[in-house]
Amino acid sequence: MTLTPVPRLAVIVVAAGSGTRLKGGAPKAFVGLDERSILHHALRGVFAAASAQVVVVVPRGFEGEALTDARDAAGERADLVTIVTGGETRQASVAAGLAALWADVEIVLVHDAARALTPPAVFDRVVGAIDAGAAAVIPAVPVVDTIKRIDAEGRVIAAVDRSELAAAQTPQGFRRDVLEAALCDAEADHTDDAAAVASAGHPVVTVEGDAVAFKITTASDLDRARALVSERPSIVAAPTRAPRGPQVGIGTDVHAFGGEGTLWLAGLEWPGEAALSGHSDGDAVAHAIVDALLAAAGLGDIGTHFGTDRPEFAGAHADAFLSHTVGLLSAAGWRVGNVSVQVQANRPRFALRRTEAEKALSAAVGGAPVSVSATTTDGLGFTGRTEGVAAFATALVLPA
């Protein structure tokens, strides 16, 4: 893959919110808009807009899903993607995104993933204003409703002149040095980044926003967004993607004996054999296959998607790991071609159960052929001393 030139522009996509008001059963950015998540749609707009480093800030435990969405949305520009874990507040999350910026970045856009349908033209207008000399820019749309000021009991006090009002949207754009200094010196937690910059004494200018760049906050907002996507599938243009051919990846995994219960290896239970230790069941064969598949598809590694911060995979067996991996590949436009894995261990003896293991593993990866071979190391190393098991996998993935 040819690396994209290092850009002077970065977009920090804030996707770390809990989405309590949306009640979508997941953090807001990971709720489905159609067959794709809100985050995926937002990132399609970002990558359609400009060549930029894209830093996606997500809740802890969702880094793997975010990486899958980002790489798929980025297409051939996947090398521009960085995933970071957010903080307790929006301001802390933006600061985490700033800390991940490359040294060459001069202009920073901060964009809410919840504004998933923002057209690329809005990004262009914000960047254009920064290039023209502004230190801080926000897209805005006029307030069309009649606005009233009310008291604590809900009584109307006075009408508000809406000619002086505008609804702020994102992406909000800044010179990098201005935003970094404003957040570093901020004494209060601001509702948006432009407020922090304004409190530091910098003027903030506006450019024209867009009605479809509304923020998905409530269930009715989500219904509106889904209707727009259904009626206008091309509302956010997907980036041009280079043709893809077969890809090969390799994966390795090692686990020591010493776990609780019985041994699970190659998707099978081995009664009477000592268990392997690990966050899950310690199945080194399955884990090596996961790493090989993810590597072939360019989706990171097993630690990205199945780390110890994912309690749902504690004690999980091969079928859970492999079926989830196949789902990640499918979402990114890949399918499993075939897998070959070699086990290095003195125990257990694979000869009598090789065919059974291959069938179990093949079923777990959606029916693609999986071949398993096994060897000892003639008494050498930790496997030769029967201290643990090592596995080495090679996987072929094909465009779906």
Protein backbone atom coordinates (compact mmCIF):
# COMPACT_ATOMS: atom_id res chain seq x y z
CA MET A 1 0.00 0.00 0.00
CA THR A 2 1.28 3.47 -0.91
CA LEU A 3 1.27 5.72 2.12
CA THR A 4 -0.74 8.93 1.90
CA PRO A 5 1.37 12.11 2.21
CA VAL A 6 1.33 13.58 5.72
CA PRO A 7 -1.41 16.26 5.76
CA ARG A 8 -1.43 19.66 7.46
CA LEU A 9 -5.07 19.14 8.44
CA ALA A 10 -6.49 16.87 11.13
CA VAL A 11 -10.07 16.04 12.05
CA ILE A 12 -10.80 14.93 15.60
CA VAL A 13 -14.06 12.97 15.54
CA VAL A 14 -15.55 12.96 19.03
CA ALA A 15 -17.45 9.70 19.52
CA ALA A 16 -16.98 9.08 23.25
CA GLY A 17 -20.46 10.01 24.43
CA SER A 18 -22.71 7.53 26.23
CA GLY A 19 -25.84 8.41 24.27
CA THR A 20 -28.12 8.16 27.32
CA ARG A 21 -30.91 10.21 25.73
CA LEU A 22 -30.82 8.17 22.53
CA LYS A 23 -31.40 4.88 24.42
CA GLY A 24 -29.91 2.88 21.56
CA GLY A 25 -28.43 0.09 23.68
CA ALA A 26 -24.85 1.19 22.98
CA PRO A 27 -22.76 4.36 23.05
CA LYS A 28 -24.40 6.75 20.60
CA ALA A 29 -21.76 6.56 17.86
CA PHE A 30 -22.10 2.76 17.67
CA VAL A 31 -25.88 2.68 17.24
CA GLY A 32 -26.96 1.56 13.77
CA LEU A 33 -28.16 4.18 11.29
CA ASP A 34 -28.79 1.57 8.60
CA GLU A 35 -26.53 -1.45 8.19
CA ARG A 36 -23.72 0.87 9.31
CA SER A 37 -23.21 2.73 12.56
CA ILE A 38 -23.63 6.45 13.16
CA LEU A 39 -19.84 6.64 13.46
CA HIS A 40 -19.32 4.92 10.10
CA HIS A 41 -21.58 7.45 8.38
CA ALA A 42 -19.83 10.36 10.07
CA LEU A 43 -16.44 9.05 8.97
CA ARG A 44 -17.60 8.60 5.38
CA GLY A 45 -18.33 12.32 5.34
CA VAL A 46 -14.95 13.16 6.87
CA PHE A 47 -13.01 11.13 4.32
CA ALA A 48 -15.11 12.44 1.45
CA ALA A 49 -14.27 16.00 2.50
CA ALA A 50 -10.48 16.23 2.63
CA SER A 51 -7.18 14.46 3.06
CA ALA A 52 -6.53 14.70 6.79
CA GLN A 53 -5.25 12.78 9.76
CA VAL A 54 -8.44 11.46 11.35
CA VAL A 55 -8.37 10.89 15.11
CA VAL A 56 -11.42 9.06 16.42
CA VAL A 57 -12.06 9.44 20.17
CA VAL A 58 -14.19 6.62 21.59
CA PRO A 59 -15.29 5.14 24.93
CA ARG A 60 -12.98 2.63 26.56
CA GLY A 61 -13.68 -0.86 25.23
CA PHE A 62 -14.90 0.30 21.82
CA GLU A 63 -11.53 0.94 20.21
CA GLY A 64 -11.76 -2.23 18.10
CA GLU A 65 -15.18 -1.46 16.64
CA ALA A 66 -14.08 2.10 15.92
CA LEU A 67 -10.99 0.89 14.09
CA THR A 68 -13.11 -1.40 11.92
CA ASP A 69 -15.51 1.43 11.05
CA ALA A 70 -12.70 3.89 10.41
CA ARG A 71 -10.64 1.61 8.18
CA ASP A 72 -13.69 0.67 6.15
CA ALA A 73 -14.78 4.30 5.73
CA ALA A 74 -11.22 5.40 4.89
CA GLY A 75 -10.65 2.86 2.13
CA GLU A 76 -7.19 3.39 0.63
CA ARG A 77 -6.47 6.17 3.16
CA ALA A 78 -6.63 3.88 6.19
CA ASP A 79 -3.08 4.87 7.17
CA LEU A 80 -4.46 8.28 8.20
CA VAL A 81 -6.60 6.80 11.00
CA THR A 82 -5.75 7.02 14.70
CA ILE A 83 -8.02 5.66 17.48
CA VAL A 84 -7.77 7.03 21.03
CA THR A 85 -9.73 6.52 24.24
CA GLY A 86 -11.83 9.47 25.43
CA GLY A 87 -12.06 11.17 28.81
CA GLU A 88 -14.84 11.85 31.29
CA THR A 89 -15.90 15.09 29.54
CA ARG A 90 -16.00 16.33 25.98
CA GLN A 91 -13.17 18.73 26.73
CA ALA A 92 -11.02 15.88 28.06
CA SER A 93 -11.84 13.80 24.98
CA VAL A 94 -10.80 16.60 22.63
CA ALA A 95 -7.58 17.00 24.61
CA ALA A 96 -6.92 13.27 24.15
CA GLY A 97 -7.43 13.71 20.41
CA LEU A 98 -5.06 16.68 20.30
CA ALA A 99 -2.37 14.64 22.05
CA ALA A 100 -2.48 12.14 19.17
CA LEU A 101 -1.93 14.68 16.37
CA TRP A 102 1.07 14.40 14.11
CA ALA A 103 3.71 17.12 14.31
CA ASP A 104 2.96 18.51 10.83
CA VAL A 105 -0.70 19.27 11.56
CA GLU A 106 -1.49 23.01 11.54
CA ILE A 107 -5.30 23.12 11.29
CA VAL A 108 -7.62 21.09 13.50
CA LEU A 109 -11.31 20.41 12.93
CA VAL A 110 -13.33 19.00 15.83
CA HIS A 111 -16.40 17.12 14.65
CA ASP A 112 -19.21 15.39 16.53
CA ALA A 113 -19.80 11.86 15.28
CA ALA A 114 -23.47 12.45 16.12
CA ARG A 115 -23.63 14.91 13.20
CA ALA A 116 -23.31 11.91 10.93
CA LEU A 117 -24.78 13.41 7.74
CA THR A 118 -22.71 16.60 7.58
CA PRO A 119 -21.95 17.27 3.89
CA PRO A 120 -18.31 17.58 2.75
CA ALA A 121 -19.00 21.18 1.64
CA VAL A 122 -19.33 22.25 5.29
CA PHE A 123 -15.83 20.94 6.00
CA ASP A 124 -14.54 22.84 2.96
CA ARG A 125 -16.08 26.11 4.13
CA VAL A 126 -14.56 25.80 7.61
CA VAL A 127 -11.07 25.01 6.27
CA GLY A 128 -11.38 27.84 3.75
CA ALA A 129 -12.08 30.34 6.52
CA ILE A 130 -9.05 29.18 8.51
CA ASP A 131 -6.88 29.43 5.39
CA ALA A 132 -8.21 32.97 4.94
CA GLY A 133 -6.81 33.98 8.34
CA ALA A 134 -9.43 33.11 10.97
CA ALA A 135 -8.21 31.58 14.23
CA ALA A 136 -11.52 29.83 14.99
CA VAL A 137 -14.53 29.01 12.79
CA ILE A 138 -17.88 27.36 13.39
CA PRO A 139 -20.59 26.41 10.89
CA ALA A 140 -23.96 27.80 11.91
CA VAL A 141 -27.56 27.84 10.73
CA PRO A 142 -30.17 30.54 11.49
CA VAL A 143 -32.66 29.93 14.29
CA VAL A 144 -36.08 29.78 12.62
CA ASP A 145 -38.30 29.08 15.64
CA THR A 146 -39.70 31.84 17.81
CA ILE A 147 -37.60 31.90 20.99
CA LYS A 148 -38.94 32.90 24.41
CA ARG A 149 -37.09 33.56 27.65
CA ILE A 150 -38.88 31.84 30.55
CA ASP A 151 -38.53 31.73 34.32
CA ALA A 152 -38.12 28.74 36.63
CA GLU A 153 -41.90 28.16 36.69
CA GLY A 154 -42.14 28.13 32.90
CA ARG A 155 -43.72 31.57 32.55
CA VAL A 156 -42.69 33.65 29.53
CA ILE A 157 -40.60 36.66 30.51
CA ALA A 158 -39.84 38.09 27.09
CA ALA A 159 -39.33 37.29 23.44
CA VAL A 160 -35.77 36.90 22.17
CA ASP A 161 -34.63 38.59 18.97
CA ARG A 162 -33.74 35.58 16.85
CA SER A 163 -31.95 37.73 14.25
CA GLU A 164 -29.01 37.70 16.63
CA LEU A 165 -29.13 33.92 17.19
CA ALA A 166 -27.63 31.01 15.30
CA ALA A 167 -27.38 27.27 15.99
CA ALA A 168 -23.76 26.12 16.08
CA GLN A 169 -22.76 22.92 14.31
CA THR A 170 -19.56 20.99 13.68
CA PRO A 171 -16.90 20.62 12.41
CA GLN A 172 -15.48 23.55 14.33
CA GLY A 173 -12.12 24.61 12.96
CA PHE A 174 -9.08 26.12 14.67
CA ARG A 175 -5.45 26.90 14.23
CA ARG A 176 -3.82 24.10 16.17
CA ASP A 177 -1.80 26.36 18.45
CA VAL A 178 -4.89 28.39 19.35
CA LEU A 179 -6.99 25.36 20.33
CA GLU A 180 -4.19 23.65 22.27
CA ALA A 181 -3.46 26.79 24.30
CA ALA A 182 -7.16 27.46 24.98
CA LEU A 183 -7.82 23.97 26.32
CA CYS A 184 -4.61 23.96 28.34
CA ASP A 185 -5.55 27.23 30.05
CA ALA A 186 -9.30 26.58 30.39
CA GLU A 187 -10.55 27.05 33.96
CA ALA A 188 -14.03 25.69 33.23
CA ASP A 189 -15.52 22.85 31.21
CA HIS A 190 -17.03 24.39 28.08
CA THR A 191 -19.94 22.99 26.06
CA ASP A 192 -18.01 23.25 22.82
CA ASP A 193 -14.49 23.98 21.67
CA ALA A 194 -15.29 27.39 20.22
CA ALA A 195 -16.44 28.54 23.68
CA ALA A 196 -13.07 27.60 25.15
CA VAL A 197 -11.25 29.49 22.40
CA ALA A 198 -13.53 32.52 22.80
CA SER A 199 -12.93 32.56 26.56
CA ALA A 200 -9.21 32.74 25.79
CA GLY A 201 -9.81 35.98 23.91
CA HIS A 202 -9.86 34.82 20.29
CA PRO A 203 -12.60 35.93 17.88
CA VAL A 204 -14.77 33.15 16.46
CA VAL A 205 -16.31 33.58 13.02
CA THR A 206 -19.09 31.62 11.34
CA VAL A 207 -19.62 30.01 7.97
CA GLU A 208 -22.78 28.57 6.51
CA GLY A 209 -23.81 25.25 8.02
CA ASP A 210 -26.33 22.79 6.62
CA ALA A 211 -29.74 21.60 7.77
CA VAL A 212 -28.79 17.93 7.41
CA ALA A 213 -25.85 18.39 9.78
CA PHE A 214 -28.22 18.11 12.74
CA LYS A 215 -27.08 16.30 15.87
CA ILE A 216 -28.55 12.85 16.51
CA THR A 217 -29.48 13.09 20.19
CA THR A 218 -32.93 11.59 20.68
CA ALA A 219 -34.85 8.67 19.19
CA SER A 220 -36.77 11.07 16.93
CA ASP A 221 -33.48 12.47 15.63
CA LEU A 222 -32.36 8.93 14.82
CA ASP A 223 -35.63 8.25 13.00
CA ARG A 224 -35.13 11.41 10.96
CA ALA A 225 -31.57 10.45 10.06
CA ARG A 226 -32.62 6.93 9.09
CA ALA A 227 -35.37 8.31 6.86
CA LEU A 228 -32.91 10.64 5.12
CA VAL A 229 -30.42 7.84 4.53
CA SER A 230 -33.18 5.56 3.25
CA GLU A 231 -34.57 8.18 0.88
CA ARG A 232 -31.18 9.53 -0.23
CA PRO A 233 -28.56 6.75 0.02
CA SER A 234 -25.90 9.02 -1.46
CA ILE A 235 -26.49 11.83 1.06
CA VAL A 236 -22.89 11.29 2.18
CA ALA A 237 -20.59 10.21 -0.61
CA ALA A 238 -18.29 7.28 0.07
CA PRO A 239 -14.60 7.81 -0.68
CA THR A 240 -13.22 6.31 -3.85
CA ARG A 241 -11.73 2.94 -3.01
CA ALA A 242 -8.95 1.21 -4.88
CA PRO A 243 -9.72 -2.28 -6.25
CA ARG A 244 -8.85 -4.96 -3.71
CA GLY A 245 -7.47 -8.42 -4.27
CA PRO A 246 -6.72 -11.36 -1.98
CA GLN A 247 -4.73 -10.48 1.16
CA VAL A 248 -2.61 -12.71 3.39
CA GLY A 249 -1.93 -12.29 7.11
CA ILE A 250 0.02 -14.18 9.75
CA GLY A 251 -0.71 -14.56 13.45
CA THR A 252 0.94 -16.12 16.46
CA ASP A 253 -0.15 -16.81 20.01
CA VAL A 254 1.38 -18.39 23.10
CA HIS A 255 -0.21 -19.52 26.36
CA ALA A 256 1.29 -21.23 29.39
CA PHE A 257 -0.28 -24.12 31.23
CA GLY A 258 -1.71 -23.25 34.61
CA GLY A 259 -5.30 -22.19 34.02
CA GLU A 260 -8.37 -23.46 35.83
CA GLY A 261 -10.61 -26.24 34.57
CA THR A 262 -9.92 -28.35 31.51
CA LEU A 263 -7.94 -27.60 28.39
CA TRP A 264 -9.59 -25.88 25.41
CA LEU A 265 -7.51 -25.88 22.23
CA ALA A 266 -8.37 -25.62 18.52
CA GLY A 267 -12.00 -25.15 19.48
CA LEU A 268 -12.17 -28.47 21.33
CA GLU A 269 -12.31 -29.45 24.98
CA TRP A 270 -9.57 -31.91 26.02
CA PRO A 271 -10.69 -33.73 29.20
CA GLY A 272 -7.87 -34.80 31.47
CA GLU A 273 -5.39 -32.27 30.04
CA ALA A 274 -4.07 -29.29 32.01
CA ALA A 275 -5.73 -25.98 31.12
CA LEU A 276 -3.96 -23.02 29.56
CA SER A 277 -4.01 -19.68 31.36
CA GLY A 278 -5.44 -16.53 29.83
CA HIS A 279 -8.19 -13.89 29.93
CA SER A 280 -10.39 -16.25 27.90
CA ASP A 281 -9.88 -20.00 27.65
CA GLY A 282 -6.25 -19.65 26.49
CA ASP A 283 -6.93 -21.30 23.11
CA ALA A 284 -3.66 -20.37 21.38
CA VAL A 285 -4.78 -21.96 18.10
CA ALA A 286 -7.98 -19.92 17.82
CA HIS A 287 -6.20 -16.76 18.91
CA ALA A 288 -3.46 -17.18 16.31
CA ILE A 289 -6.16 -17.57 13.64
CA VAL A 290 -7.88 -14.39 14.87
CA ASP A 291 -4.61 -12.46 14.60
CA ALA A 292 -3.93 -13.81 11.11
CA LEU A 293 -7.41 -12.87 9.85
CA LEU A 294 -7.29 -9.38 11.34
CA ALA A 295 -3.80 -8.83 9.93
CA ALA A 296 -4.86 -9.93 6.45
CA ALA A 297 -7.82 -7.53 6.49
CA GLY A 298 -5.81 -4.65 7.97
CA LEU A 299 -8.00 -4.49 11.07
CA GLY A 300 -5.39 -4.43 13.82
CA ASP A 301 -4.74 -7.36 16.14
CA ILE A 302 -6.41 -9.48 18.78
CA GLY A 303 -5.50 -7.06 21.56
CA THR A 304 -7.36 -4.28 19.73
CA HIS A 305 -10.65 -6.16 19.62
CA PHE A 306 -10.48 -8.70 22.47
CA GLY A 307 -8.43 -7.01 25.21
CA THR A 308 -8.78 -7.62 28.92
CA ASP A 309 -11.07 -4.56 29.07
CA ARG A 310 -13.72 -6.59 27.21
CA PRO A 311 -15.38 -8.63 29.99
CA GLU A 312 -17.75 -10.34 27.56
CA PHE A 313 -14.79 -12.37 26.26
CA ALA A 314 -13.57 -13.53 29.67
CA GLY A 315 -13.59 -17.33 29.52
CA ALA A 316 -14.90 -17.31 25.94
CA HIS A 317 -14.12 -20.18 23.60
CA ALA A 318 -12.95 -20.30 19.98
CA ASP A 319 -16.38 -20.01 18.40
CA ALA A 320 -17.03 -16.66 20.13
CA PHE A 321 -13.66 -15.24 19.09
CA LEU A 322 -13.79 -16.48 15.52
CA SER A 323 -17.42 -15.63 14.80
CA HIS A 324 -16.85 -12.09 16.09
CA THR A 325 -13.76 -11.80 13.91
CA VAL A 326 -15.67 -12.98 10.84
CA GLY A 327 -18.25 -10.28 11.61
CA LEU A 328 -15.52 -7.63 11.75
CA LEU A 329 -14.17 -8.82 8.41
CA SER A 330 -17.64 -8.82 6.85
CA ALA A 331 -18.28 -5.25 8.00
CA ALA A 332 -15.02 -4.22 6.33
CA GLY A 333 -15.89 -6.00 3.06
CA TRP A 334 -13.86 -9.21 3.46
CA ARG A 335 -14.56 -12.94 3.69
CA VAL A 336 -12.33 -15.79 4.80
CA GLY A 337 -10.63 -17.71 1.98
CA ASN A 338 -8.75 -20.35 3.97
CA VAL A 339 -6.59 -20.73 7.07
CA SER A 340 -3.59 -22.90 7.94
CA VAL A 341 -2.38 -23.20 11.53
CA GLN A 342 0.49 -25.10 13.11
CA VAL A 343 0.52 -26.05 16.80
CA GLN A 344 3.82 -26.49 18.66
CA ALA A 345 3.32 -28.50 21.86
CA ASN A 346 4.18 -31.77 23.56
CA ARG A 347 0.60 -32.05 24.80
CA PRO A 348 -2.13 -32.66 23.87
CA ARG A 349 -1.64 -35.20 21.07
CA PHE A 350 -3.45 -33.91 17.99
CA ALA A 351 -3.21 -36.92 15.68
CA LEU A 352 -6.51 -38.52 16.71
CA ARG A 353 -8.52 -35.28 16.82
CA ARG A 354 -7.04 -33.29 13.91
CA THR A 355 -10.06 -33.80 11.65
CA GLU A 356 -12.45 -32.91 14.48
CA ALA A 357 -10.47 -29.71 15.21
CA GLU A 358 -10.47 -28.70 11.55
CA LYS A 359 -14.25 -29.14 11.34
CA ALA A 360 -14.84 -27.10 14.49
CA LEU A 361 -12.58 -24.27 13.40
CA SER A 362 -13.96 -24.26 9.85
CA ALA A 363 -17.51 -23.95 11.20
CA ALA A 364 -16.44 -21.07 13.44
CA VAL A 365 -15.02 -19.07 10.50
CA GLY A 366 -18.14 -19.47 8.41
CA GLY A 367 -17.29 -22.66 6.56
CA ALA A 368 -13.95 -21.71 4.99
CA PRO A 369 -11.38 -24.53 5.04
CA VAL A 370 -9.03 -24.63 8.03
CA SER A 371 -6.07 -27.01 8.12
CA VAL A 372 -4.30 -27.89 11.36
CA SER A 373 -0.85 -29.43 11.75
CA ALA A 374 1.04 -30.19 14.95
CA THR A 375 4.66 -30.70 15.90
CA THR A 376 6.92 -30.93 18.91
CA THR A 377 10.20 -29.06 19.23
CA ASP A 378 12.37 -32.05 20.20
CA GLY A 379 12.49 -30.97 23.83
CA LEU A 380 13.68 -27.44 23.01
CA GLY A 381 12.21 -24.25 24.46
CA PHE A 382 9.20 -23.77 26.69
CA THR A 383 6.99 -25.98 24.49
CA GLY A 384 9.61 -28.72 24.61
CA ARG A 385 9.56 -28.49 28.40
CA THR A 386 5.75 -28.82 28.30
CA GLU A 387 5.32 -25.37 29.85
CA GLY A 388 2.81 -24.15 27.28
CA VAL A 389 1.52 -24.12 23.71
CA ALA A 390 2.47 -21.97 20.72
CA ALA A 391 0.48 -21.60 17.50
CA PHE A 392 1.30 -19.99 14.15
CA ALA A 393 -1.43 -19.22 11.60
CA THR A 394 -1.60 -17.98 8.02
CA ALA A 395 -4.88 -16.70 6.64
CA LEU A 396 -6.16 -15.68 3.21
CA VAL A 397 -9.02 -13.20 2.97
CA LEU A 398 -10.93 -12.25 -0.17
CA PRO A 399 -13.11 -9.26 -1.11
CA ALA A 400 -16.68 -10.02 -0.11
